[in-house]
Amino acid sequence: MSDRPRLIHVNVNQPSLQAVRGEGIYLYDADGNRYLDGCSGALVANLGHGAGEIARAMAVQSETLPYVFRVHFSSPPAEALAERYCSLTRNPMGAVLFANSGSEAVEAAVKLARTRHLSAGETERHKIISRWQSYHGITAGALAWSGIAGRRKDFLPYFKESPHIPPAYCYRCWFGKRPDACELQCARALETAILTEGPETVSAFIAEPVVGSALAAAAAPAGYFQLIREICDRYGVLFIADEVMTGAGRTGGSFFASDHFPGEPHIIAFGKGVGAGYYPLAGALVRPEIIDAISAGSGLYSASQSHSAHPVGMAAGMAVLDYMEAHRLLQHAREMGIHLGNRLDELRSHALVGDVRGMGLMWGLELVRDKESREPFPADRNLYMDFYECARGKGMVLLPSSGCNRGKNGDMALIAPPLIITRPQVDELVDALHGALADLAGRLCA
């Protein structure tokens, strides 16, 4: 009999470390070692670990009404949470559909866009335009719209391919421009793509306000999303913001990152931090005019899922919002994000750090072989995993990734601690990064 683990891990031949306890921003393994959760798991555990209020709210709901299928019934917690979510944006949204993962939320957003066009008699509109160096989910549809080469390549035979445009990635601009003189060619590429495909066939454009693991917190230059929205409006295309990573206060100051930029989306996909790890909660918000168009058509959205608007998940979502309000976490994330950004600036002087970028409590490091030329390390060196191991050796977990150089190579790490992090804990996190970079440099010299 094989001695391989029965649970499928990232590497099926190797067991993973066992986490046995979480407390605040820390995780503890079976041997009692403590790790600062520097990436909130996968930017999910926004409230850290051990918020008893949320667990209790879920327990109460599970005793009252644990489950209903949305085709048969709605429920009071679902209606209440929908009302609350529609008021979380700068301008109120019209309606929300709840799902169970970010991938499902993205696919729901795309299907809602298609439903809107069908309701308006625009039956040819079905194409989704997205960006290279993006990540929208692991299901077949969401992965096809993603632009992260490493995660796509093994499953390409299953995709219905869609158009992609260059990313808004100033550190390695695909147009060879600088942000102060680029004329936003990365945004103007959308108009070219729409005209090439035929405007009457294009349903929506999807983009992350701040790119997650595919570009380690790369944000678009000023004016980008305003121009994107203008182009979309010009051709009747809907703009979908993928806020699965950036929502739930991650970028500080507002619940959704879209509110930091002019050019508001027609549809917002959200997930991860909205359930804070207590429940796999996600969903899609639509502007009033979108739901009005669907209402004026058949009024039907029949793409149901078994656990949509799950009452226990709704209770968890409500408790997360209550917790965030009680602890002023939107403002706290903004303040701690400023401190984290200032401290991370110290890392720019390190020989291996090519770029430090981000906002709020979502930051990225890009590692390079040569700072002047921005030359990356070879892909087969897997430097990003070495950095991950060095950080873990310093008692911190971060989110490593690769492929930022047009999918060929380029090592990165995403830094996104729980929103409850304190100023001394930010300092602890950055001190651990200093140590990890020193250890990484030592490995390279060995």
Protein backbone atom coordinates (compact mmCIF):
# COMPACT_ATOMS: atom_id res chain seq x y z
CA MET A 1 0.00 0.00 0.00
CA SER A 2 1.28 3.48 -0.87
CA ASP A 3 2.36 5.73 1.98
CA ARG A 4 1.27 8.83 0.07
CA PRO A 5 -1.21 11.11 1.89
CA ARG A 6 -4.86 10.23 1.23
CA LEU A 7 -5.73 13.93 1.06
CA ILE A 8 -4.75 15.49 -2.26
CA HIS A 9 -2.24 18.23 -1.44
CA VAL A 10 -0.61 20.68 -3.85
CA ASN A 11 2.02 18.00 -4.32
CA VAL A 12 0.29 14.64 -4.05
CA ASN A 13 3.55 12.99 -3.00
CA GLN A 14 4.21 15.23 -0.03
CA PRO A 15 2.26 15.90 3.17
CA SER A 16 1.56 19.52 4.07
CA LEU A 17 2.21 21.23 7.36
CA GLN A 18 -0.77 20.74 9.68
CA ALA A 19 -2.30 23.90 11.11
CA VAL A 20 -4.10 23.10 14.35
CA ARG A 21 -5.03 26.51 15.74
CA GLY A 22 -5.53 30.11 14.71
CA GLU A 23 -5.51 33.16 16.94
CA GLY A 24 -5.67 36.73 15.65
CA ILE A 25 -3.21 37.09 12.78
CA TYR A 26 -1.28 33.94 13.74
CA LEU A 27 -1.50 30.24 12.86
CA TYR A 28 0.02 27.40 14.86
CA ASP A 29 1.17 24.06 13.48
CA ALA A 30 1.07 20.63 15.15
CA ASP A 31 4.55 21.17 16.58
CA GLY A 32 3.59 24.44 18.24
CA ASN A 33 5.38 26.70 15.76
CA ARG A 34 3.74 30.09 15.20
CA TYR A 35 3.34 31.74 11.79
CA LEU A 36 2.23 35.28 11.04
CA ASP A 37 -0.49 34.92 8.41
CA GLY A 38 0.97 37.47 6.03
CA CYS A 39 -1.50 36.76 3.23
CA SER A 40 -4.73 35.96 5.13
CA GLY A 41 -4.54 32.45 3.68
CA ALA A 42 -5.48 33.35 0.09
CA LEU A 43 -6.69 36.86 1.04
CA VAL A 44 -9.65 35.19 2.74
CA ALA A 45 -9.12 35.42 6.52
CA ASN A 46 -9.62 39.19 6.57
CA LEU A 47 -10.65 39.18 10.24
CA GLY A 48 -7.85 36.87 11.31
CA HIS A 49 -8.64 33.73 13.26
CA GLY A 50 -10.95 33.12 16.18
CA ALA A 51 -13.71 35.76 15.87
CA GLY A 52 -16.29 33.99 18.01
CA GLU A 53 -19.11 36.37 17.10
CA ILE A 54 -19.21 35.00 13.57
CA ALA A 55 -19.14 31.36 14.61
CA ARG A 56 -21.97 32.01 17.07
CA ALA A 57 -24.12 33.76 14.45
CA MET A 58 -23.69 30.77 12.15
CA ALA A 59 -24.58 28.33 14.93
CA VAL A 60 -27.77 30.20 15.77
CA GLN A 61 -28.83 30.26 12.12
CA SER A 62 -28.04 26.56 11.63
CA GLU A 63 -30.38 25.72 14.49
CA THR A 64 -33.18 27.89 13.07
CA LEU A 65 -32.98 27.31 9.31
CA PRO A 66 -29.85 25.55 8.05
CA TYR A 67 -30.74 25.35 4.34
CA VAL A 68 -33.22 26.21 1.61
CA PHE A 69 -32.88 25.98 -2.17
CA ARG A 70 -33.27 29.40 -3.80
CA VAL A 71 -35.69 28.02 -6.42
CA HIS A 72 -38.10 27.05 -3.62
CA PHE A 73 -37.58 29.71 -0.96
CA SER A 74 -35.69 32.82 -0.01
CA SER A 75 -34.92 33.52 3.65
CA PRO A 76 -34.85 36.56 5.95
CA PRO A 77 -31.03 36.54 6.31
CA ALA A 78 -30.60 36.40 2.52
CA GLU A 79 -32.95 39.34 1.94
CA ALA A 80 -31.32 41.35 4.74
CA LEU A 81 -27.79 40.72 3.49
CA ALA A 82 -28.78 41.59 -0.09
CA GLU A 83 -30.17 44.92 1.09
CA ARG A 84 -26.98 45.62 2.97
CA TYR A 85 -24.66 44.65 0.12
CA CYS A 86 -26.39 46.94 -2.33
CA SER A 87 -25.46 49.89 -0.09
CA LEU A 88 -21.74 49.04 0.21
CA THR A 89 -20.69 50.86 -2.97
CA ARG A 90 -20.25 54.61 -3.49
CA ASN A 91 -23.43 54.61 -5.59
CA PRO A 92 -25.99 51.98 -4.52
CA MET A 93 -26.24 48.82 -6.61
CA GLY A 94 -29.52 47.38 -7.83
CA ALA A 95 -29.40 43.72 -6.82
CA VAL A 96 -27.08 40.90 -5.77
CA LEU A 97 -26.76 37.20 -6.50
CA PHE A 98 -24.96 35.16 -3.84
CA ALA A 99 -22.63 32.28 -4.70
CA ASN A 100 -20.04 30.15 -2.91
CA SER A 101 -16.66 30.94 -4.47
CA GLY A 102 -14.93 33.64 -6.43
CA SER A 103 -14.88 31.47 -9.54
CA GLU A 104 -18.64 31.01 -9.29
CA ALA A 105 -19.09 34.75 -8.70
CA VAL A 106 -17.13 35.61 -11.85
CA GLU A 107 -19.13 33.14 -13.92
CA ALA A 108 -22.36 34.50 -12.42
CA ALA A 109 -21.29 38.03 -13.36
CA VAL A 110 -20.66 36.94 -16.95
CA LYS A 111 -24.01 35.12 -17.10
CA LEU A 112 -25.81 38.14 -15.68
CA ALA A 113 -24.22 40.30 -18.37
CA ARG A 114 -25.39 37.83 -21.03
CA THR A 115 -28.88 37.74 -19.48
CA ARG A 116 -29.04 41.53 -19.64
CA HIS A 117 -28.15 41.52 -23.37
CA LEU A 118 -30.63 38.76 -24.14
CA SER A 119 -33.33 40.69 -22.29
CA ALA A 120 -32.57 43.71 -24.48
CA GLY A 121 -32.74 41.62 -27.66
CA GLU A 122 -28.96 41.83 -28.24
CA THR A 123 -28.57 38.13 -28.80
CA GLU A 124 -25.16 38.26 -30.54
CA ARG A 125 -23.40 39.73 -27.50
CA HIS A 126 -21.55 36.84 -25.90
CA LYS A 127 -17.79 37.54 -26.04
CA ILE A 128 -15.84 38.39 -22.90
CA ILE A 129 -12.70 40.49 -23.21
CA SER A 130 -10.17 40.24 -20.40
CA ARG A 131 -6.50 41.00 -19.78
CA TRP A 132 -3.33 38.96 -19.93
CA GLN A 133 -1.70 38.60 -16.50
CA SER A 134 -5.09 38.37 -14.81
CA TYR A 135 -6.66 35.66 -12.68
CA HIS A 136 -10.42 35.23 -12.45
CA GLY A 137 -10.86 31.72 -11.03
CA ILE A 138 -10.11 28.04 -11.40
CA THR A 139 -13.34 26.78 -13.06
CA ALA A 140 -13.21 26.32 -16.84
CA GLY A 141 -14.99 29.52 -17.78
CA ALA A 142 -13.20 31.74 -15.27
CA LEU A 143 -9.82 30.22 -16.13
CA ALA A 144 -10.42 30.76 -19.85
CA TRP A 145 -11.02 34.48 -19.19
CA SER A 146 -7.93 34.59 -16.98
CA GLY A 147 -4.61 35.61 -18.46
CA ILE A 148 -2.19 33.81 -16.16
CA ALA A 149 -0.30 31.46 -18.44
CA GLY A 150 0.97 29.02 -15.82
CA ARG A 151 -2.50 28.11 -14.57
CA ARG A 152 -4.05 27.98 -18.04
CA LYS A 153 -1.60 25.83 -19.98
CA ASP A 154 -2.60 22.34 -18.75
CA PHE A 155 -6.30 22.94 -19.38
CA LEU A 156 -6.27 24.84 -22.68
CA PRO A 157 -8.07 22.01 -24.53
CA TYR A 158 -11.18 22.64 -22.43
CA PHE A 159 -11.44 26.39 -22.99
CA LYS A 160 -13.64 28.38 -25.29
CA GLU A 161 -11.03 31.02 -26.00
CA SER A 162 -11.82 34.71 -25.58
CA PRO A 163 -9.92 37.86 -26.53
CA HIS A 164 -7.29 39.23 -24.12
CA ILE A 165 -5.65 42.66 -24.10
CA PRO A 166 -2.34 43.72 -22.49
CA PRO A 167 -2.35 44.35 -18.75
CA ALA A 168 -2.09 47.68 -16.95
CA TYR A 169 1.36 46.81 -15.62
CA CYS A 170 3.60 49.85 -15.34
CA TYR A 171 6.72 48.06 -14.07
CA ARG A 172 6.89 45.97 -17.26
CA CYS A 173 4.75 48.03 -19.63
CA TRP A 174 3.91 45.98 -22.72
CA PHE A 175 4.06 49.20 -24.77
CA GLY A 176 7.46 50.30 -23.48
CA LYS A 177 5.97 53.46 -21.98
CA ARG A 178 6.33 55.29 -18.68
CA PRO A 179 3.20 56.15 -16.60
CA ASP A 180 3.72 59.90 -17.00
CA ALA A 181 3.73 59.67 -20.80
CA CYS A 182 1.84 56.54 -21.78
CA GLU A 183 -1.47 57.97 -23.03
CA LEU A 184 -3.07 54.89 -21.40
CA GLN A 185 -2.41 52.68 -24.38
CA CYS A 186 -3.19 49.66 -22.18
CA ALA A 187 -6.75 50.98 -21.80
CA ARG A 188 -7.08 52.05 -25.42
CA ALA A 189 -6.29 48.48 -26.40
CA LEU A 190 -9.82 47.62 -25.26
CA GLU A 191 -11.36 49.72 -28.03
CA THR A 192 -9.14 48.00 -30.59
CA ALA A 193 -10.24 44.60 -29.30
CA ILE A 194 -13.93 45.54 -29.35
CA LEU A 195 -13.71 46.84 -32.92
CA THR A 196 -11.73 43.78 -34.01
CA GLU A 197 -14.27 41.36 -32.56
CA GLY A 198 -17.26 43.42 -33.70
CA PRO A 199 -18.98 45.57 -31.05
CA GLU A 200 -22.29 43.81 -31.58
CA THR A 201 -20.70 40.52 -30.39
CA VAL A 202 -19.00 41.77 -27.21
CA SER A 203 -20.84 41.31 -23.93
CA ALA A 204 -18.42 42.48 -21.25
CA PHE A 205 -14.89 43.41 -20.25
CA ILE A 206 -13.60 41.99 -16.96
CA ALA A 207 -10.65 43.27 -14.92
CA GLU A 208 -9.30 43.27 -11.37
CA PRO A 209 -9.03 46.83 -9.92
CA VAL A 210 -5.75 45.73 -8.34
CA VAL A 211 -4.35 42.52 -9.81
CA GLY A 212 -3.90 39.69 -7.31
CA SER A 213 -1.47 36.78 -7.52
CA ALA A 214 -0.96 37.10 -11.29
CA LEU A 215 0.78 40.47 -10.89
CA ALA A 216 1.23 40.81 -7.11
CA ALA A 217 -0.87 43.91 -6.38
CA ALA A 218 -0.17 45.85 -9.57
CA ALA A 219 -2.61 48.77 -9.83
CA ALA A 220 -3.55 50.57 -13.02
CA PRO A 221 -2.24 54.09 -13.75
CA ALA A 222 -4.42 57.12 -13.03
CA GLY A 223 -7.38 57.49 -15.37
CA TYR A 224 -7.28 53.90 -16.59
CA PHE A 225 -10.69 52.74 -15.37
CA GLN A 226 -12.35 56.01 -16.28
CA LEU A 227 -11.25 55.48 -19.87
CA ILE A 228 -12.23 51.80 -19.71
CA ARG A 229 -15.77 52.75 -18.67
CA GLU A 230 -15.99 55.39 -21.41
CA ILE A 231 -14.98 52.82 -24.04
CA CYS A 232 -17.44 50.28 -22.68
CA ASP A 233 -20.28 52.80 -22.75
CA ARG A 234 -19.38 53.84 -26.30
CA TYR A 235 -20.01 50.31 -27.57
CA GLY A 236 -22.69 49.01 -25.18
CA VAL A 237 -20.23 46.69 -23.42
CA LEU A 238 -20.58 46.00 -19.70
CA PHE A 239 -17.64 46.51 -17.36
CA ILE A 240 -17.23 43.75 -14.75
CA ALA A 241 -14.88 44.42 -11.83
CA ASP A 242 -13.43 41.24 -10.36
CA GLU A 243 -13.22 42.19 -6.68
CA VAL A 244 -12.86 38.67 -5.33
CA MET A 245 -9.48 39.62 -3.85
CA THR A 246 -9.79 43.39 -3.57
CA GLY A 247 -13.24 43.57 -1.95
CA ALA A 248 -14.19 43.40 1.73
CA GLY A 249 -11.99 46.36 2.67
CA ARG A 250 -8.75 44.84 1.43
CA THR A 251 -7.53 48.05 -0.25
CA GLY A 252 -8.49 50.23 2.72
CA GLY A 253 -10.98 53.06 3.18
CA SER A 254 -13.84 51.58 1.14
CA PHE A 255 -15.44 48.16 0.98
CA PHE A 256 -14.71 47.76 -2.73
CA ALA A 257 -11.53 48.85 -4.49
CA SER A 258 -13.60 50.14 -7.43
CA ASP A 259 -14.63 53.09 -5.29
CA HIS A 260 -11.01 54.29 -5.30
CA PHE A 261 -11.15 54.88 -9.06
CA PRO A 262 -13.40 56.91 -11.36
CA GLY A 263 -15.23 54.72 -13.85
CA GLU A 264 -17.55 52.53 -11.80
CA PRO A 265 -18.31 48.99 -12.96
CA HIS A 266 -21.70 47.76 -14.13
CA ILE A 267 -21.18 44.48 -12.25
CA ILE A 268 -18.93 43.56 -9.30
CA ALA A 269 -17.89 39.99 -8.58
CA PHE A 270 -16.86 39.47 -4.95
CA GLY A 271 -15.77 36.62 -2.68
CA LYS A 272 -12.91 35.50 -0.41
CA GLY A 273 -12.79 38.05 2.44
CA VAL A 274 -16.54 38.66 2.55
CA GLY A 275 -16.93 35.35 4.38
CA ALA A 276 -13.64 35.87 6.22
CA GLY A 277 -12.91 32.14 6.01
CA TYR A 278 -15.90 31.18 8.15
CA TYR A 279 -18.07 30.43 5.12
CA PRO A 280 -17.23 30.27 1.37
CA LEU A 281 -19.36 33.31 0.54
CA ALA A 282 -19.23 35.12 -2.80
CA GLY A 283 -21.54 36.79 -5.27
CA ALA A 284 -22.18 39.38 -7.96
CA LEU A 285 -23.64 42.88 -7.59
CA VAL A 286 -25.33 44.58 -10.55
CA ARG A 287 -26.16 48.21 -11.24
CA PRO A 288 -29.87 49.19 -11.12
CA GLU A 289 -30.07 49.57 -14.90
CA ILE A 290 -28.86 45.98 -15.37
CA ILE A 291 -31.50 44.45 -13.15
CA ASP A 292 -34.10 46.81 -14.69
CA ALA A 293 -33.24 45.47 -18.17
CA ILE A 294 -33.51 41.86 -16.98
CA SER A 295 -36.80 42.67 -15.27
CA ALA A 296 -38.17 44.22 -18.47
CA GLY A 297 -37.29 41.05 -20.38
CA SER A 298 -38.22 37.62 -19.14
CA GLY A 299 -37.36 38.54 -15.56
CA LEU A 300 -35.69 35.15 -15.18
CA TYR A 301 -32.19 34.25 -14.04
CA SER A 302 -32.30 30.49 -13.82
CA ALA A 303 -28.60 29.62 -13.41
CA SER A 304 -29.17 28.31 -9.92
CA GLN A 305 -26.66 26.61 -7.64
CA SER A 306 -27.48 24.27 -4.80
CA HIS A 307 -26.00 26.47 -2.08
CA SER A 308 -26.72 29.98 -3.40
CA ALA A 309 -27.89 32.29 -0.61
CA HIS A 310 -27.32 29.51 1.95
CA PRO A 311 -28.91 30.79 5.21
CA VAL A 312 -25.87 29.92 7.33
CA GLY A 313 -23.63 31.67 4.82
CA MET A 314 -25.92 34.69 4.91
CA ALA A 315 -25.64 34.81 8.69
CA ALA A 316 -21.86 34.62 8.38
CA GLY A 317 -21.84 37.45 5.84
CA MET A 318 -23.98 39.64 8.09
CA ALA A 319 -21.77 38.91 11.10
CA VAL A 320 -18.64 39.80 9.09
CA LEU A 321 -20.14 43.18 8.15
CA ASP A 322 -21.15 43.79 11.77
CA TYR A 323 -17.63 42.93 12.94
CA MET A 324 -16.04 45.22 10.37
CA GLU A 325 -18.28 48.12 11.39
CA ALA A 326 -17.80 47.57 15.12
CA HIS A 327 -14.01 47.56 14.73
CA ARG A 328 -13.86 50.30 12.05
CA LEU A 329 -11.83 47.99 9.85
CA LEU A 330 -12.18 49.98 6.63
CA GLN A 331 -10.47 52.95 8.25
CA HIS A 332 -8.07 50.71 10.16
CA ALA A 333 -7.03 48.95 6.93
CA ARG A 334 -6.34 52.32 5.34
CA GLU A 335 -4.20 53.46 8.28
CA MET A 336 -2.29 50.19 8.60
CA GLY A 337 -1.90 50.08 4.82
CA ILE A 338 -0.12 53.42 4.85
CA HIS A 339 2.23 52.19 7.58
CA LEU A 340 2.81 48.87 5.76
CA GLY A 341 3.55 50.68 2.50
CA ASN A 342 6.02 53.00 4.21
CA ARG A 343 7.81 50.09 5.86
CA LEU A 344 7.86 48.01 2.66
CA ASP A 345 9.59 50.92 0.91
CA GLU A 346 12.66 49.96 2.92
CA LEU A 347 12.89 46.77 0.86
CA ARG A 348 13.47 48.68 -2.38
CA SER A 349 17.14 48.98 -1.50
CA HIS A 350 17.57 45.21 -1.39
CA ALA A 351 19.44 43.83 -4.40
CA LEU A 352 16.72 41.26 -5.17
CA VAL A 353 13.71 43.60 -4.97
CA GLY A 354 12.76 45.12 -8.30
CA ASP A 355 9.41 46.63 -7.35
CA VAL A 356 7.19 47.24 -4.33
CA ARG A 357 3.57 48.07 -5.19
CA GLY A 358 0.07 48.01 -3.76
CA MET A 359 -2.51 49.85 -1.69
CA GLY A 360 -4.31 49.35 1.60
CA LEU A 361 -3.37 45.96 2.98
CA MET A 362 -2.61 44.43 -0.41
CA TRP A 363 1.03 44.73 -1.46
CA GLY A 364 3.35 42.91 -3.81
CA LEU A 365 7.08 42.39 -4.15
CA GLU A 366 8.67 41.57 -7.49
CA LEU A 367 12.05 39.87 -7.31
CA VAL A 368 14.65 40.39 -10.03
CA ARG A 369 18.10 39.18 -10.98
CA ASP A 370 19.20 42.68 -12.00
CA LYS A 371 17.54 45.85 -10.71
CA GLU A 372 18.80 48.10 -13.50
CA SER A 373 17.63 45.97 -16.42
CA ARG A 374 14.72 44.40 -14.48
CA GLU A 375 15.91 41.01 -15.70
CA PRO A 376 14.02 38.18 -13.96
CA PHE A 377 15.49 34.93 -12.75
CA PRO A 378 15.05 31.90 -15.03
CA ALA A 379 11.68 30.22 -14.62
CA ASP A 380 13.19 26.85 -13.72
CA ARG A 381 14.99 28.44 -10.76
CA ASN A 382 11.60 28.71 -8.95
CA LEU A 383 12.93 31.59 -6.87
CA TYR A 384 9.43 32.50 -5.71
CA MET A 385 9.17 29.17 -3.86
CA ASP A 386 12.60 29.67 -2.29
CA PHE A 387 11.39 33.03 -1.03
CA TYR A 388 8.25 31.40 0.35
CA GLU A 389 10.35 28.87 2.24
CA CYS A 390 12.67 31.57 3.57
CA ALA A 391 9.69 33.58 4.83
CA ARG A 392 8.18 30.53 6.47
CA GLY A 393 11.53 29.93 8.15
CA LYS A 394 11.15 33.39 9.66
CA GLY A 395 7.69 32.53 10.99
CA MET A 396 5.59 34.15 8.26
CA VAL A 397 3.39 32.89 5.43
CA LEU A 398 3.07 34.86 2.20
CA LEU A 399 1.50 34.10 -1.20
CA PRO A 400 4.15 33.34 -3.84
CA SER A 401 3.59 33.39 -7.59
CA SER A 402 5.47 33.53 -10.87
CA GLY A 403 5.10 34.39 -14.55
CA CYS A 404 4.71 38.16 -14.39
CA ASN A 405 7.07 38.56 -17.37
CA ARG A 406 4.46 37.68 -20.03
CA GLY A 407 3.95 34.27 -18.45
CA LYS A 408 7.51 33.15 -19.12
CA ASN A 409 9.26 33.96 -15.84
CA GLY A 410 9.27 36.57 -13.08
CA ASP A 411 9.01 35.91 -9.33
CA MET A 412 6.58 37.64 -6.99
CA ALA A 413 5.06 37.53 -3.53
CA LEU A 414 1.73 38.95 -2.36
CA ILE A 415 1.59 40.48 1.13
CA ALA A 416 -1.95 40.84 2.49
CA PRO A 417 -2.31 40.32 6.26
CA PRO A 418 -5.66 40.28 8.07
CA LEU A 419 -7.31 43.69 8.37
CA ILE A 420 -7.05 43.48 12.17
CA ILE A 421 -3.24 43.71 12.08
CA THR A 422 -1.73 46.25 14.49
CA ARG A 423 1.15 48.65 13.95
CA PRO A 424 3.66 46.52 15.94
CA GLN A 425 2.53 43.45 13.97
CA VAL A 426 3.13 45.31 10.69
CA ASP A 427 6.67 45.96 11.93
CA GLU A 428 7.02 42.28 12.82
CA LEU A 429 5.88 41.31 9.33
CA VAL A 430 8.36 43.62 7.58
CA ASP A 431 11.20 42.51 9.87
CA ALA A 432 10.42 38.92 8.83
CA LEU A 433 10.61 39.96 5.16
CA HIS A 434 14.00 41.59 5.75
CA GLY A 435 15.20 38.32 7.25
CA ALA A 436 13.70 36.22 4.46
CA LEU A 437 15.37 38.33 1.77
CA ALA A 438 18.70 38.02 3.55
CA ASP A 439 18.32 34.25 3.71
CA LEU A 440 17.30 34.14 0.05
CA ALA A 441 20.38 36.10 -0.94
CA GLY A 442 22.46 33.61 1.07
CA ARG A 443 20.92 30.70 -0.83
CA LEU A 444 21.78 32.34 -4.14
CA CYS A 445 25.39 32.82 -3.07
CA ALA A 446 25.77 29.27 -1.77
